[in-house]
Amino acid sequence: MKTLFLMALIFVAGCTLAEVKVEVLSERTALENQVLGTYNSLDREMLLLASVRSVDAEGVIQKPPRQSQEHKDAMTAIQVQSFHADDVQAFKQLKWVGENSEGLLTSFQMSKSDAPENLKDFAARYTSEELNAVISQVNQSREIIMRRVIEMNENLKESDLPEIHRIFGKLNAENALQGEKIQTENGTWIVKQ
């Protein structure tokens, strides 16, 4: 018996465990991945719409496929965001706007005197009314897109909208550049480092 125990001890001591490496590819939740995937498909649809030819190989004009009003609204919303993207980026650099935790833009006081040299001309020509109009259009577009994400995804319903807002807020904060204002989940505004 003693010999059997000694042999078992030698066998166990001689065994090594393989090293297991666990890599976390993403810290996103399944819902965040689902929302991001749906949003990306909207973005791809927009690219396809922009590149679709309206003439077939024989030169005959083709009618575009029929789309729902919600689909058209979402495509228009993406166009509005693209149209204002440069201005919004400049607003963020000037710290006139920041990304809030609800996935929308929040405006702050316009300070033109401390604008960086590369944005002085830009800052000088914008009024607060124009700033508010752009922010309003972009936020309306973001709302339309968030609702479209829910409509396109069979696992989501209207009651998920607050969670969709939170997810978009998180994604926008992650994509914000260093020096831009972002709102943390607890409501505090910080400048991204």
N, C-alpha and C. Protein backbone atom coordinates (compact mmCIF):
# COMPACT_ATOMS: atom_id res chain seq x y z
N MET A 1 0.82 -1.18 0.00
CA MET A 1 0.00 0.00 0.00
C MET A 1 0.87 1.25 0.00
N LYS A 2 1.95 1.18 0.80
CA LYS A 2 2.86 2.30 0.87
C LYS A 2 3.51 2.53 -0.49
N THR A 3 3.84 1.49 -1.18
CA THR A 3 4.46 1.59 -2.48
C THR A 3 3.49 2.21 -3.49
N LEU A 4 2.23 1.80 -3.44
CA LEU A 4 1.21 2.35 -4.33
C LEU A 4 1.03 3.85 -4.09
N PHE A 5 1.01 4.23 -2.81
CA PHE A 5 0.87 5.65 -2.46
C PHE A 5 2.07 6.43 -2.97
N LEU A 6 3.27 5.89 -2.80
CA LEU A 6 4.50 6.54 -3.23
C LEU A 6 4.52 6.69 -4.76
N MET A 7 4.07 5.66 -5.47
CA MET A 7 4.03 5.73 -6.93
C MET A 7 3.02 6.78 -7.40
N ALA A 8 1.86 6.86 -6.72
CA ALA A 8 0.85 7.86 -7.08
C ALA A 8 1.39 9.26 -6.84
N LEU A 9 2.11 9.45 -5.74
CA LEU A 9 2.69 10.75 -5.41
C LEU A 9 3.72 11.15 -6.46
N ILE A 10 4.56 10.21 -6.88
CA ILE A 10 5.57 10.49 -7.90
C ILE A 10 4.88 10.82 -9.23
N PHE A 11 3.83 10.08 -9.55
CA PHE A 11 3.10 10.33 -10.80
C PHE A 11 2.48 11.72 -10.81
N VAL A 12 1.84 12.08 -9.69
CA VAL A 12 1.20 13.41 -9.60
C VAL A 12 2.25 14.50 -9.62
N ALA A 13 3.35 14.30 -8.93
CA ALA A 13 4.40 15.31 -8.87
C ALA A 13 5.06 15.47 -10.23
N GLY A 14 5.11 14.42 -11.01
CA GLY A 14 5.74 14.47 -12.32
C GLY A 14 4.86 15.10 -13.38
N CYS A 15 3.59 15.20 -13.10
CA CYS A 15 2.67 15.79 -14.08
C CYS A 15 2.74 17.31 -14.01
N THR A 16 2.65 17.92 -15.14
CA THR A 16 2.57 19.38 -15.17
C THR A 16 1.25 19.77 -15.80
N LEU A 17 0.76 20.87 -15.36
CA LEU A 17 -0.46 21.40 -15.96
C LEU A 17 -0.08 22.32 -17.11
N ALA A 18 -0.79 22.20 -18.19
CA ALA A 18 -0.54 23.08 -19.32
C ALA A 18 -0.94 24.50 -18.95
N GLU A 19 -0.16 25.43 -19.42
CA GLU A 19 -0.46 26.83 -19.16
C GLU A 19 -1.64 27.25 -20.03
N VAL A 20 -2.61 27.83 -19.42
CA VAL A 20 -3.80 28.27 -20.14
C VAL A 20 -3.77 29.78 -20.23
N LYS A 21 -3.83 30.28 -21.43
CA LYS A 21 -3.88 31.72 -21.63
C LYS A 21 -5.29 32.10 -22.04
N VAL A 22 -5.85 33.04 -21.32
CA VAL A 22 -7.17 33.52 -21.64
C VAL A 22 -7.03 34.95 -22.14
N GLU A 23 -7.51 35.20 -23.33
CA GLU A 23 -7.46 36.53 -23.88
C GLU A 23 -8.88 37.07 -23.97
N VAL A 24 -9.06 38.23 -23.42
CA VAL A 24 -10.36 38.88 -23.51
C VAL A 24 -10.34 39.73 -24.77
N LEU A 25 -11.14 39.32 -25.73
CA LEU A 25 -11.16 40.05 -26.99
C LEU A 25 -11.99 41.31 -26.91
N SER A 26 -12.99 41.29 -26.07
CA SER A 26 -13.86 42.45 -25.97
C SER A 26 -14.49 42.49 -24.60
N GLU A 27 -14.59 43.69 -24.07
CA GLU A 27 -15.26 43.86 -22.80
C GLU A 27 -16.72 44.26 -23.02
N ARG A 28 -17.16 44.27 -24.24
CA ARG A 28 -18.52 44.65 -24.55
C ARG A 28 -19.48 43.53 -24.17
N THR A 29 -20.65 43.94 -23.77
CA THR A 29 -21.69 42.96 -23.47
C THR A 29 -22.29 42.47 -24.77
N ALA A 30 -23.06 41.41 -24.69
CA ALA A 30 -23.73 40.88 -25.89
C ALA A 30 -24.66 41.93 -26.48
N LEU A 31 -25.37 42.67 -25.61
CA LEU A 31 -26.29 43.70 -26.10
C LEU A 31 -25.51 44.81 -26.80
N GLU A 32 -24.38 45.22 -26.24
CA GLU A 32 -23.57 46.25 -26.87
C GLU A 32 -23.09 45.79 -28.25
N ASN A 33 -22.65 44.54 -28.33
CA ASN A 33 -22.22 44.00 -29.63
C ASN A 33 -23.37 43.95 -30.62
N GLN A 34 -24.55 43.60 -30.14
CA GLN A 34 -25.74 43.54 -31.00
C GLN A 34 -26.08 44.93 -31.53
N VAL A 35 -26.08 45.92 -30.65
CA VAL A 35 -26.39 47.30 -31.04
C VAL A 35 -25.34 47.80 -32.02
N LEU A 36 -24.08 47.57 -31.72
CA LEU A 36 -23.01 48.02 -32.60
C LEU A 36 -23.11 47.36 -33.97
N GLY A 37 -23.42 46.07 -33.99
CA GLY A 37 -23.58 45.36 -35.26
C GLY A 37 -24.72 45.92 -36.09
N THR A 38 -25.84 46.22 -35.43
CA THR A 38 -26.99 46.79 -36.14
C THR A 38 -26.66 48.17 -36.67
N TYR A 39 -25.99 48.98 -35.84
CA TYR A 39 -25.59 50.33 -36.28
C TYR A 39 -24.64 50.24 -37.47
N ASN A 40 -23.67 49.32 -37.41
CA ASN A 40 -22.73 49.16 -38.51
C ASN A 40 -23.43 48.72 -39.79
N SER A 41 -24.48 47.91 -39.67
CA SER A 41 -25.21 47.50 -40.88
C SER A 41 -25.93 48.70 -41.49
N LEU A 42 -26.43 49.62 -40.65
CA LEU A 42 -27.03 50.85 -41.17
C LEU A 42 -25.99 51.67 -41.93
N ASP A 43 -24.80 51.74 -41.37
CA ASP A 43 -23.71 52.48 -41.99
C ASP A 43 -23.34 51.86 -43.33
N ARG A 44 -23.29 50.52 -43.39
CA ARG A 44 -22.98 49.84 -44.65
C ARG A 44 -24.08 50.09 -45.68
N GLU A 45 -25.34 50.09 -45.22
CA GLU A 45 -26.44 50.37 -46.14
C GLU A 45 -26.29 51.75 -46.75
N MET A 46 -25.85 52.71 -45.94
CA MET A 46 -25.66 54.07 -46.43
C MET A 46 -24.59 54.09 -47.50
N LEU A 47 -23.51 53.36 -47.28
CA LEU A 47 -22.46 53.29 -48.29
C LEU A 47 -22.96 52.64 -49.57
N LEU A 48 -23.76 51.59 -49.43
CA LEU A 48 -24.31 50.93 -50.60
C LEU A 48 -25.24 51.84 -51.37
N LEU A 49 -26.07 52.60 -50.65
CA LEU A 49 -26.97 53.54 -51.32
C LEU A 49 -26.20 54.56 -52.12
N ALA A 50 -25.07 55.00 -51.59
CA ALA A 50 -24.27 56.01 -52.26
C ALA A 50 -23.58 55.46 -53.50
N SER A 51 -23.38 54.13 -53.55
CA SER A 51 -22.63 53.56 -54.67
C SER A 51 -23.51 52.80 -55.66
N VAL A 52 -24.80 52.73 -55.44
CA VAL A 52 -25.68 51.97 -56.33
C VAL A 52 -25.82 52.70 -57.66
N ARG A 53 -25.68 51.94 -58.72
CA ARG A 53 -25.86 52.52 -60.04
C ARG A 53 -27.34 52.45 -60.39
N SER A 54 -27.82 53.46 -61.03
CA SER A 54 -29.23 53.48 -61.40
C SER A 54 -29.44 53.08 -62.86
N VAL A 55 -28.39 52.61 -63.51
CA VAL A 55 -28.47 52.19 -64.90
C VAL A 55 -27.93 50.78 -65.00
N ASP A 56 -28.67 49.88 -65.69
CA ASP A 56 -28.18 48.51 -65.84
C ASP A 56 -27.16 48.42 -66.99
N ALA A 57 -26.71 47.21 -67.29
CA ALA A 57 -25.67 47.00 -68.30
C ALA A 57 -26.10 47.45 -69.69
N GLU A 58 -27.41 47.42 -69.96
CA GLU A 58 -27.90 47.85 -71.29
C GLU A 58 -28.19 49.35 -71.33
N GLY A 59 -27.98 50.06 -70.22
CA GLY A 59 -28.22 51.50 -70.20
C GLY A 59 -29.64 51.88 -69.80
N VAL A 60 -30.42 50.90 -69.35
CA VAL A 60 -31.80 51.17 -68.94
C VAL A 60 -31.79 51.66 -67.49
N ILE A 61 -32.53 52.73 -67.26
CA ILE A 61 -32.60 53.29 -65.90
C ILE A 61 -33.41 52.35 -65.01
N GLN A 62 -32.84 52.04 -63.85
CA GLN A 62 -33.48 51.13 -62.90
C GLN A 62 -34.07 51.93 -61.74
N LYS A 63 -35.23 51.50 -61.29
CA LYS A 63 -35.84 52.13 -60.13
C LYS A 63 -35.18 51.56 -58.87
N PRO A 64 -34.93 52.42 -57.89
CA PRO A 64 -34.35 51.90 -56.65
C PRO A 64 -35.37 51.03 -55.91
N PRO A 65 -34.89 50.08 -55.11
CA PRO A 65 -35.82 49.24 -54.35
C PRO A 65 -36.62 50.10 -53.36
N ARG A 66 -37.84 49.67 -53.14
CA ARG A 66 -38.72 50.39 -52.22
C ARG A 66 -38.25 50.21 -50.79
N GLN A 67 -38.21 51.31 -50.03
CA GLN A 67 -37.77 51.29 -48.65
C GLN A 67 -38.86 51.87 -47.76
N SER A 68 -38.88 51.43 -46.50
CA SER A 68 -39.85 51.98 -45.54
C SER A 68 -39.46 53.41 -45.19
N GLN A 69 -40.41 54.16 -44.67
CA GLN A 69 -40.13 55.53 -44.26
C GLN A 69 -39.10 55.55 -43.14
N GLU A 70 -39.15 54.57 -42.24
CA GLU A 70 -38.18 54.50 -41.14
C GLU A 70 -36.77 54.32 -41.68
N HIS A 71 -36.64 53.48 -42.71
CA HIS A 71 -35.35 53.25 -43.35
C HIS A 71 -34.85 54.54 -43.99
N LYS A 72 -35.72 55.23 -44.70
CA LYS A 72 -35.35 56.50 -45.34
C LYS A 72 -34.94 57.52 -44.29
N ASP A 73 -35.68 57.59 -43.20
CA ASP A 73 -35.36 58.54 -42.12
C ASP A 73 -33.98 58.23 -41.53
N ALA A 74 -33.68 56.95 -41.34
CA ALA A 74 -32.38 56.56 -40.79
C ALA A 74 -31.25 56.93 -41.75
N MET A 75 -31.46 56.72 -43.04
CA MET A 75 -30.43 57.08 -44.02
C MET A 75 -30.22 58.59 -44.05
N THR A 76 -31.30 59.34 -43.96
CA THR A 76 -31.20 60.80 -43.90
C THR A 76 -30.46 61.23 -42.63
N ALA A 77 -30.74 60.56 -41.52
CA ALA A 77 -30.08 60.88 -40.25
C ALA A 77 -28.57 60.64 -40.36
N ILE A 78 -28.19 59.56 -41.01
CA ILE A 78 -26.76 59.28 -41.19
C ILE A 78 -26.12 60.35 -42.07
N GLN A 79 -26.85 60.80 -43.09
CA GLN A 79 -26.34 61.87 -43.96
C GLN A 79 -26.16 63.17 -43.17
N VAL A 80 -27.11 63.49 -42.31
CA VAL A 80 -27.03 64.70 -41.49
C VAL A 80 -25.80 64.63 -40.59
N GLN A 81 -25.59 63.47 -39.97
CA GLN A 81 -24.41 63.32 -39.11
C GLN A 81 -23.12 63.49 -39.91
N SER A 82 -23.07 62.90 -41.08
CA SER A 82 -21.87 63.02 -41.92
C SER A 82 -21.65 64.47 -42.35
N PHE A 83 -22.73 65.15 -42.70
CA PHE A 83 -22.64 66.54 -43.14
C PHE A 83 -22.06 67.44 -42.05
N HIS A 84 -22.46 67.21 -40.81
CA HIS A 84 -22.03 68.06 -39.69
C HIS A 84 -20.79 67.52 -38.96
N ALA A 85 -20.24 66.41 -39.39
CA ALA A 85 -19.15 65.76 -38.65
C ALA A 85 -17.96 66.67 -38.40
N ASP A 86 -17.52 67.41 -39.41
CA ASP A 86 -16.36 68.29 -39.24
C ASP A 86 -16.65 69.41 -38.24
N ASP A 87 -17.83 70.00 -38.34
CA ASP A 87 -18.20 71.07 -37.41
C ASP A 87 -18.29 70.54 -35.99
N VAL A 88 -18.92 69.38 -35.81
CA VAL A 88 -19.05 68.79 -34.47
C VAL A 88 -17.67 68.49 -33.90
N GLN A 89 -16.76 67.99 -34.73
CA GLN A 89 -15.41 67.72 -34.25
C GLN A 89 -14.73 69.01 -33.80
N ALA A 90 -14.92 70.08 -34.53
CA ALA A 90 -14.34 71.37 -34.13
C ALA A 90 -14.99 71.87 -32.84
N PHE A 91 -16.31 71.71 -32.71
CA PHE A 91 -17.00 72.11 -31.47
C PHE A 91 -16.42 71.37 -30.27
N LYS A 92 -16.13 70.09 -30.47
CA LYS A 92 -15.56 69.29 -29.38
C LYS A 92 -14.17 69.79 -29.02
N GLN A 93 -13.36 70.10 -30.04
CA GLN A 93 -12.01 70.60 -29.77
C GLN A 93 -12.05 71.95 -29.05
N LEU A 94 -13.07 72.76 -29.37
CA LEU A 94 -13.24 74.05 -28.71
C LEU A 94 -13.88 73.91 -27.32
N LYS A 95 -14.32 72.68 -27.02
CA LYS A 95 -15.01 72.36 -25.76
C LYS A 95 -16.35 73.09 -25.64
N TRP A 96 -16.96 73.36 -26.79
CA TRP A 96 -18.31 73.93 -26.83
C TRP A 96 -19.36 72.84 -26.65
N VAL A 97 -19.00 71.61 -27.00
CA VAL A 97 -19.90 70.47 -26.83
C VAL A 97 -19.13 69.29 -26.27
N GLY A 98 -19.88 68.36 -25.70
CA GLY A 98 -19.29 67.13 -25.20
C GLY A 98 -20.26 65.99 -25.41
N GLU A 99 -19.74 64.78 -25.32
CA GLU A 99 -20.54 63.57 -25.47
C GLU A 99 -21.13 63.21 -24.11
N ASN A 100 -22.48 63.24 -24.01
CA ASN A 100 -23.08 62.88 -22.73
C ASN A 100 -23.29 61.38 -22.62
N SER A 101 -23.65 60.92 -21.45
CA SER A 101 -23.77 59.48 -21.19
C SER A 101 -25.03 58.88 -21.81
N GLU A 102 -25.85 59.71 -22.45
CA GLU A 102 -27.06 59.23 -23.10
C GLU A 102 -26.89 59.09 -24.63
N GLY A 103 -25.67 59.26 -25.11
CA GLY A 103 -25.41 59.11 -26.54
C GLY A 103 -25.71 60.35 -27.35
N LEU A 104 -25.90 61.48 -26.69
CA LEU A 104 -26.21 62.73 -27.37
C LEU A 104 -25.13 63.77 -27.06
N LEU A 105 -25.19 64.87 -27.79
CA LEU A 105 -24.26 65.97 -27.55
C LEU A 105 -24.88 66.95 -26.56
N THR A 106 -24.06 67.49 -25.69
CA THR A 106 -24.49 68.54 -24.76
C THR A 106 -23.64 69.76 -25.06
N SER A 107 -24.28 70.91 -25.16
CA SER A 107 -23.53 72.13 -25.44
C SER A 107 -23.13 72.84 -24.15
N PHE A 108 -22.01 73.53 -24.25
CA PHE A 108 -21.47 74.32 -23.15
C PHE A 108 -21.31 75.76 -23.64
N GLN A 109 -20.85 76.62 -22.76
CA GLN A 109 -20.67 78.02 -23.13
C GLN A 109 -19.63 78.15 -24.23
N MET A 110 -19.96 79.00 -25.20
CA MET A 110 -19.04 79.25 -26.31
C MET A 110 -18.00 80.28 -25.86
N SER A 111 -16.77 79.86 -25.82
CA SER A 111 -15.68 80.78 -25.50
C SER A 111 -14.81 80.89 -26.74
N LYS A 112 -14.91 82.03 -27.41
CA LYS A 112 -14.15 82.22 -28.64
C LYS A 112 -12.74 82.74 -28.37
N SER A 113 -12.55 83.36 -27.22
CA SER A 113 -11.26 84.00 -26.92
C SER A 113 -10.13 82.99 -26.71
N ASP A 114 -10.44 81.80 -26.21
CA ASP A 114 -9.37 80.83 -25.97
C ASP A 114 -9.31 79.73 -27.03
N ALA A 115 -9.82 80.05 -28.22
CA ALA A 115 -9.76 79.07 -29.32
C ALA A 115 -8.32 78.86 -29.76
N PRO A 116 -7.94 77.62 -30.04
CA PRO A 116 -6.59 77.39 -30.56
C PRO A 116 -6.41 78.10 -31.91
N GLU A 117 -5.19 78.37 -32.25
CA GLU A 117 -4.89 79.14 -33.47
C GLU A 117 -5.54 78.53 -34.71
N ASN A 118 -5.52 77.19 -34.82
CA ASN A 118 -6.07 76.54 -36.02
C ASN A 118 -7.60 76.61 -36.09
N LEU A 119 -8.26 77.02 -35.00
CA LEU A 119 -9.73 77.11 -34.99
C LEU A 119 -10.25 78.52 -34.77
N LYS A 120 -9.36 79.52 -34.73
CA LYS A 120 -9.79 80.90 -34.47
C LYS A 120 -10.78 81.40 -35.52
N ASP A 121 -10.50 81.19 -36.79
CA ASP A 121 -11.41 81.64 -37.86
C ASP A 121 -12.74 80.90 -37.77
N PHE A 122 -12.68 79.61 -37.55
CA PHE A 122 -13.89 78.81 -37.41
C PHE A 122 -14.74 79.33 -36.25
N ALA A 123 -14.12 79.54 -35.10
CA ALA A 123 -14.83 80.00 -33.90
C ALA A 123 -15.43 81.39 -34.11
N ALA A 124 -14.73 82.24 -34.82
CA ALA A 124 -15.19 83.61 -35.02
C ALA A 124 -16.46 83.67 -35.86
N ARG A 125 -16.64 82.75 -36.78
CA ARG A 125 -17.81 82.85 -37.67
C ARG A 125 -19.05 82.13 -37.16
N TYR A 126 -18.96 81.39 -36.05
CA TYR A 126 -20.12 80.67 -35.52
C TYR A 126 -20.84 81.48 -34.46
N THR A 127 -22.18 81.51 -34.54
CA THR A 127 -23.00 82.14 -33.50
C THR A 127 -23.57 81.04 -32.61
N SER A 128 -24.05 81.42 -31.46
CA SER A 128 -24.63 80.41 -30.55
C SER A 128 -25.88 79.80 -31.16
N GLU A 129 -26.63 80.58 -31.96
CA GLU A 129 -27.83 80.05 -32.62
C GLU A 129 -27.45 78.97 -33.62
N GLU A 130 -26.38 79.21 -34.38
CA GLU A 130 -25.92 78.21 -35.34
C GLU A 130 -25.42 76.95 -34.63
N LEU A 131 -24.67 77.14 -33.57
CA LEU A 131 -24.20 76.01 -32.78
C LEU A 131 -25.37 75.18 -32.29
N ASN A 132 -26.36 75.83 -31.70
CA ASN A 132 -27.53 75.12 -31.17
C ASN A 132 -28.30 74.41 -32.27
N ALA A 133 -28.40 75.03 -33.45
CA ALA A 133 -29.10 74.40 -34.57
C ALA A 133 -28.39 73.13 -35.02
N VAL A 134 -27.07 73.17 -35.13
CA VAL A 134 -26.30 72.00 -35.54
C VAL A 134 -26.43 70.90 -34.50
N ILE A 135 -26.28 71.25 -33.23
CA ILE A 135 -26.38 70.25 -32.15
C ILE A 135 -27.77 69.63 -32.14
N SER A 136 -28.79 70.43 -32.34
CA SER A 136 -30.16 69.92 -32.37
C SER A 136 -30.36 68.93 -33.52
N GLN A 137 -29.85 69.29 -34.71
CA GLN A 137 -29.98 68.40 -35.87
C GLN A 137 -29.23 67.08 -35.64
N VAL A 138 -28.04 67.17 -35.10
CA VAL A 138 -27.24 65.96 -34.87
C VAL A 138 -27.91 65.09 -33.80
N ASN A 139 -28.40 65.70 -32.73
CA ASN A 139 -29.06 64.92 -31.68
C ASN A 139 -30.35 64.27 -32.20
N GLN A 140 -31.13 65.00 -33.01
CA GLN A 140 -32.33 64.40 -33.60
C GLN A 140 -31.94 63.21 -34.48
N SER A 141 -30.88 63.35 -35.22
CA SER A 141 -30.41 62.26 -36.08
C SER A 141 -29.97 61.06 -35.25
N ARG A 142 -29.28 61.32 -34.16
CA ARG A 142 -28.86 60.22 -33.29
C ARG A 142 -30.06 59.50 -32.70
N GLU A 143 -31.08 60.24 -32.31
CA GLU A 143 -32.31 59.62 -31.77
C GLU A 143 -32.96 58.73 -32.82
N ILE A 144 -33.05 59.21 -34.05
CA ILE A 144 -33.64 58.43 -35.14
C ILE A 144 -32.86 57.14 -35.34
N ILE A 145 -31.55 57.23 -35.32
CA ILE A 145 -30.71 56.05 -35.53
C ILE A 145 -30.89 55.07 -34.38
N MET A 146 -30.95 55.56 -33.15
CA MET A 146 -31.14 54.67 -32.01
C MET A 146 -32.48 53.93 -32.11
N ARG A 147 -33.50 54.64 -32.52
CA ARG A 147 -34.82 54.00 -32.68
C ARG A 147 -34.79 52.99 -33.83
N ARG A 148 -34.06 53.31 -34.87
CA ARG A 148 -33.95 52.39 -36.00
C ARG A 148 -33.21 51.11 -35.60
N VAL A 149 -32.22 51.24 -34.74
CA VAL A 149 -31.50 50.06 -34.23
C VAL A 149 -32.49 49.14 -33.53
N ILE A 150 -33.40 49.71 -32.76
CA ILE A 150 -34.42 48.90 -32.07
C ILE A 150 -35.35 48.24 -33.09
N GLU A 151 -35.79 49.01 -34.09
CA GLU A 151 -36.71 48.48 -35.11
C GLU A 151 -36.09 47.34 -35.90
N MET A 152 -34.80 47.43 -36.16
CA MET A 152 -34.12 46.43 -36.99
C MET A 152 -33.77 45.16 -36.23
N ASN A 153 -33.81 45.22 -34.92
CA ASN A 153 -33.35 44.11 -34.11
C ASN A 153 -34.52 43.45 -33.41
N GLU A 154 -34.80 42.21 -33.76
CA GLU A 154 -35.96 41.51 -33.21
C GLU A 154 -35.86 41.26 -31.71
N ASN A 155 -34.67 41.33 -31.14
CA ASN A 155 -34.50 41.10 -29.71
C ASN A 155 -34.66 42.37 -28.87
N LEU A 156 -34.86 43.50 -29.53
CA LEU A 156 -35.00 44.76 -28.81
C LEU A 156 -36.42 45.29 -28.94
N LYS A 157 -36.83 46.03 -27.92
CA LYS A 157 -38.16 46.66 -27.96
C LYS A 157 -38.03 48.10 -27.47
N GLU A 158 -39.09 48.86 -27.63
CA GLU A 158 -39.08 50.28 -27.29
C GLU A 158 -38.63 50.52 -25.84
N SER A 159 -38.96 49.61 -24.95
CA SER A 159 -38.57 49.77 -23.55
C SER A 159 -37.06 49.65 -23.35
N ASP A 160 -36.33 49.19 -24.37
CA ASP A 160 -34.88 49.10 -24.31
C ASP A 160 -34.18 50.41 -24.68
N LEU A 161 -34.96 51.43 -25.06
CA LEU A 161 -34.37 52.68 -25.52
C LEU A 161 -33.41 53.31 -24.50
N PRO A 162 -33.74 53.36 -23.20
CA PRO A 162 -32.77 53.92 -22.25
C PRO A 162 -31.43 53.16 -22.25
N GLU A 163 -31.48 51.84 -22.39
CA GLU A 163 -30.25 51.06 -22.44
C GLU A 163 -29.50 51.33 -23.74
N ILE A 164 -30.23 51.52 -24.84
CA ILE A 164 -29.60 51.86 -26.12
C ILE A 164 -28.90 53.21 -26.01
N HIS A 165 -29.55 54.16 -25.35
CA HIS A 165 -28.92 55.47 -25.12
C HIS A 165 -27.61 55.30 -24.35
N ARG A 166 -27.64 54.48 -23.31
CA ARG A 166 -26.45 54.27 -22.48
C ARG A 166 -25.33 53.64 -23.31
N ILE A 167 -25.69 52.68 -24.15
CA ILE A 167 -24.69 52.01 -24.98
C ILE A 167 -24.07 52.99 -25.97
N PHE A 168 -24.90 53.81 -26.61
CA PHE A 168 -24.36 54.80 -27.54
C PHE A 168 -23.51 55.82 -26.79
N GLY A 169 -23.92 56.19 -25.57
CA GLY A 169 -23.11 57.10 -24.77
C GLY A 169 -21.74 56.52 -24.48
N LYS A 170 -21.71 55.24 -24.15
CA LYS A 170 -20.45 54.56 -23.86
C LYS A 170 -19.57 54.49 -25.11
N LEU A 171 -20.17 54.14 -26.25
CA LEU A 171 -19.42 54.06 -27.50
C LEU A 171 -18.87 55.43 -27.90
N ASN A 172 -19.69 56.48 -27.76
CA ASN A 172 -19.23 57.82 -28.11
C ASN A 172 -18.10 58.28 -27.19
N ALA A 173 -18.19 57.93 -25.91
CA ALA A 173 -17.11 58.29 -24.97
C ALA A 173 -15.82 57.55 -25.33
N GLU A 174 -15.95 56.27 -25.70
CA GLU A 174 -14.77 55.50 -26.10
C GLU A 174 -14.11 56.09 -27.35
N ASN A 175 -14.93 56.60 -28.27
CA ASN A 175 -14.42 57.14 -29.53
C ASN A 175 -14.00 58.60 -29.43
N ALA A 176 -14.29 59.25 -28.32
CA ALA A 176 -13.90 60.65 -28.15
C ALA A 176 -12.38 60.74 -28.14
N LEU A 177 -11.88 61.85 -28.64
CA LEU A 177 -10.45 62.07 -28.68
C LEU A 177 -9.95 62.69 -27.39
N GLN A 178 -8.68 62.56 -27.16
CA GLN A 178 -8.07 63.15 -25.98
C GLN A 178 -8.33 64.66 -25.98
N GLY A 179 -8.73 65.19 -24.83
CA GLY A 179 -9.00 66.62 -24.70
C GLY A 179 -10.46 66.99 -24.90
N GLU A 180 -11.30 66.02 -25.28
CA GLU A 180 -12.73 66.30 -25.47
C GLU A 180 -13.50 66.01 -24.19
N LYS A 181 -14.60 66.72 -24.02
CA LYS A 181 -15.44 66.53 -22.84
C LYS A 181 -16.34 65.32 -23.02
N ILE A 182 -16.37 64.48 -21.98
CA ILE A 182 -17.28 63.34 -21.97
C ILE A 182 -17.93 63.27 -20.58
N GLN A 183 -19.12 62.73 -20.56
CA GLN A 183 -19.83 62.56 -19.30
C GLN A 183 -19.69 61.11 -18.85
N THR A 184 -19.30 60.93 -17.60
CA THR A 184 -19.17 59.57 -17.07
C THR A 184 -20.56 59.03 -16.77
N GLU A 185 -20.65 57.74 -16.50
CA GLU A 185 -21.94 57.12 -16.21
C GLU A 185 -22.60 57.68 -14.96
N ASN A 186 -21.79 58.24 -14.05
CA ASN A 186 -22.38 58.82 -12.84
C ASN A 186 -22.78 60.28 -13.03
N GLY A 187 -22.61 60.82 -14.25
CA GLY A 187 -23.06 62.18 -14.57
C GLY A 187 -21.99 63.25 -14.49
N THR A 188 -20.79 62.90 -14.09
CA THR A 188 -19.70 63.86 -13.98
C THR A 188 -19.09 64.14 -15.36
N TRP A 189 -18.82 65.41 -15.63
CA TRP A 189 -18.15 65.77 -16.88
C TRP A 189 -16.65 65.81 -16.65
N ILE A 190 -15.91 65.16 -17.56
CA ILE A 190 -14.45 65.15 -17.48
C ILE A 190 -13.91 65.45 -18.87
N VAL A 191 -12.64 65.79 -18.92
CA VAL A 191 -11.93 65.93 -20.20
C VAL A 191 -11.16 64.63 -20.40
N LYS A 192 -11.38 63.98 -21.52
CA LYS A 192 -10.77 62.68 -21.78
C LYS A 192 -9.26 62.81 -21.86
N GLN A 193 -8.60 61.94 -21.18
CA GLN A 193 -7.13 61.93 -21.15
C GLN A 193 -6.57 60.96 -22.16
